[in-house]
Protein backbone atom coordinates (compact mmCIF):
# COMPACT_ATOMS: atom_id res chain seq x y z
CA MET A 1 3.21 -1.91 54.83
CA ARG A 2 3.48 1.13 52.53
CA SER A 3 7.21 0.26 51.62
CA THR A 4 6.06 -3.35 50.63
CA VAL A 5 3.44 -1.98 48.39
CA ARG A 6 5.74 0.58 46.76
CA ARG A 7 8.32 -2.10 46.25
CA GLY A 8 5.73 -4.42 44.71
CA LEU A 9 4.68 -1.43 42.41
CA ALA A 10 7.95 -0.55 41.57
CA ALA A 11 8.92 -4.23 40.56
CA ALA A 12 5.82 -4.48 38.60
CA ALA A 13 6.61 -1.33 36.59
CA ILE A 14 10.21 -2.44 36.06
CA THR A 15 9.06 -5.75 34.78
CA ALA A 16 6.44 -4.17 32.37
CA ALA A 17 8.92 -1.88 31.13
CA GLY A 18 11.54 -4.58 30.38
CA LEU A 19 8.84 -6.80 28.57
CA THR A 20 7.88 -3.91 26.49
CA ALA A 21 11.46 -3.18 25.53
CA PHE A 22 12.09 -6.68 24.34
CA ALA A 23 8.74 -7.19 22.55
CA PRO A 24 9.18 -7.31 18.73
CA ALA A 25 7.57 -4.32 16.86
CA ALA A 26 4.54 -5.34 15.06
CA ALA A 27 4.38 -4.12 11.47
CA ALA A 28 0.96 -3.00 10.45
CA GLN A 29 -0.37 -5.20 7.72
CA PRO A 30 -2.46 -3.64 5.03
CA SER A 31 -6.20 -3.86 5.79
CA ILE A 32 -9.36 -1.96 4.61
CA TYR A 33 -8.74 0.44 7.48
CA ASN A 34 -4.93 1.02 6.69
CA PRO A 35 -4.47 0.54 2.97
CA VAL A 36 -0.81 0.81 1.54
CA ILE A 37 0.31 2.09 -1.80
CA THR A 38 3.66 1.16 -3.56
CA PRO A 39 5.11 2.16 -6.78
CA CYS A 40 4.58 -0.62 -9.58
CA SER A 41 5.10 1.00 -12.91
CA HIS A 42 7.62 -1.85 -13.72
CA LYS A 43 4.65 -4.19 -14.05
CA PHE A 44 3.22 -2.54 -17.12
CA ARG A 45 4.22 -1.51 -20.69
CA THR A 46 2.63 0.42 -23.39
CA PRO A 47 1.10 -1.27 -26.56
CA LEU A 48 4.09 0.18 -28.51
CA ASP A 49 6.76 -1.25 -26.21
CA ALA A 50 8.31 -4.54 -26.85
CA PRO A 51 6.89 -7.47 -24.86
CA ARG A 52 8.59 -8.19 -21.57
CA PRO A 53 8.01 -11.21 -19.32
CA GLY A 54 5.87 -10.38 -16.42
CA THR A 55 4.29 -7.39 -17.78
CA ASP A 56 0.76 -6.34 -18.80
CA VAL A 57 -0.16 -3.84 -21.52
CA TYR A 58 -1.66 -0.55 -20.20
CA TRP A 59 -3.55 1.46 -22.69
CA SER A 60 -3.23 5.12 -21.20
CA PRO A 61 -2.53 8.60 -22.68
CA PHE A 62 0.08 9.01 -20.06
CA GLY A 63 2.24 6.04 -20.53
CA THR A 64 3.17 3.74 -17.66
CA GLY A 65 4.66 6.54 -15.18
CA GLY A 66 3.05 7.15 -11.87
CA ILE A 67 1.44 3.61 -11.33
CA VAL A 68 0.85 2.50 -7.83
CA CYS A 69 -0.30 -0.92 -6.45
CA PHE A 70 -3.07 -0.41 -3.91
CA ASP A 71 -3.13 -3.10 -1.24
CA ASP A 72 -6.09 -2.97 1.10
CA GLY A 73 -5.64 -6.43 2.43
CA THR A 74 -8.36 -8.20 0.62
CA GLY A 75 -5.97 -10.09 -1.80
CA MET A 76 -7.35 -8.45 -4.92
CA GLU A 77 -4.79 -6.34 -6.93
CA ASN A 78 -5.88 -2.74 -7.55
CA TYR A 79 -3.82 -0.38 -9.64
CA TYR A 80 -3.99 3.41 -9.90
CA GLN A 81 -2.20 6.03 -11.96
CA ARG A 82 -1.51 9.63 -11.25
CA ASP A 83 -2.07 11.90 -14.20
CA PRO A 84 0.26 15.13 -14.88
CA TRP A 85 -2.36 17.14 -12.83
CA GLY A 86 -2.08 15.04 -9.78
CA ARG A 87 -5.39 13.24 -9.98
CA TRP A 88 -5.59 9.54 -9.49
CA HIS A 89 -7.22 7.17 -12.15
CA ASP A 90 -8.35 3.65 -11.67
CA MET A 91 -7.01 1.10 -14.08
CA ASN A 92 -9.31 -1.54 -15.32
CA GLU A 93 -8.41 -4.92 -16.74
CA LEU A 94 -11.13 -5.45 -19.45
CA MET A 95 -9.12 -8.22 -21.23
CA ALA A 96 -6.71 -10.64 -19.84
CA GLY A 97 -3.38 -8.78 -19.62
CA HIS A 98 -4.75 -5.54 -20.98
CA PHE A 99 -5.33 -2.64 -18.52
CA PHE A 100 -7.36 0.47 -19.52
CA TYR A 101 -7.27 4.07 -18.14
CA VAL A 102 -10.48 5.13 -16.53
CA VAL A 103 -11.32 8.70 -17.54
CA PHE A 104 -12.92 9.73 -14.03
CA SER A 105 -10.65 10.57 -11.18
CA SER A 106 -10.61 8.83 -7.94
CA THR A 107 -9.48 9.85 -4.37
CA VAL A 108 -9.10 6.27 -3.07
CA PRO A 109 -5.21 6.37 -3.06
CA ASP A 110 -5.31 9.53 -1.05
CA GLN A 111 -6.46 7.48 1.91
CA ALA A 112 -3.51 5.01 1.82
CA THR A 113 0.06 5.33 3.16
CA TRP A 114 3.15 4.81 1.15
CA GLY A 115 4.73 1.36 1.74
């Protein structure tokens, strides 16, 4: 009786291990619990730069360097810029196609992982 139980448990363990090995690895999607940031300075230009298709104007004293896209799974685009001192600043779109630098710093991107 014991050997039958042992064989059954061994067969179940081998089957479970085999199914786990062939299961596809699930990639975590961004969510409010697991936000993701990615570099996206290429989507912006300064007011002094020549217009480029697919770019918005960004009015900032730091140019367009250090801009990240913040994806929290809600479908809304959020952008942040890191200043030379390492602080994050939110970017607000006050006019269509024109983003403005927020003076106050934020810690929101610090909770995200790089994607």
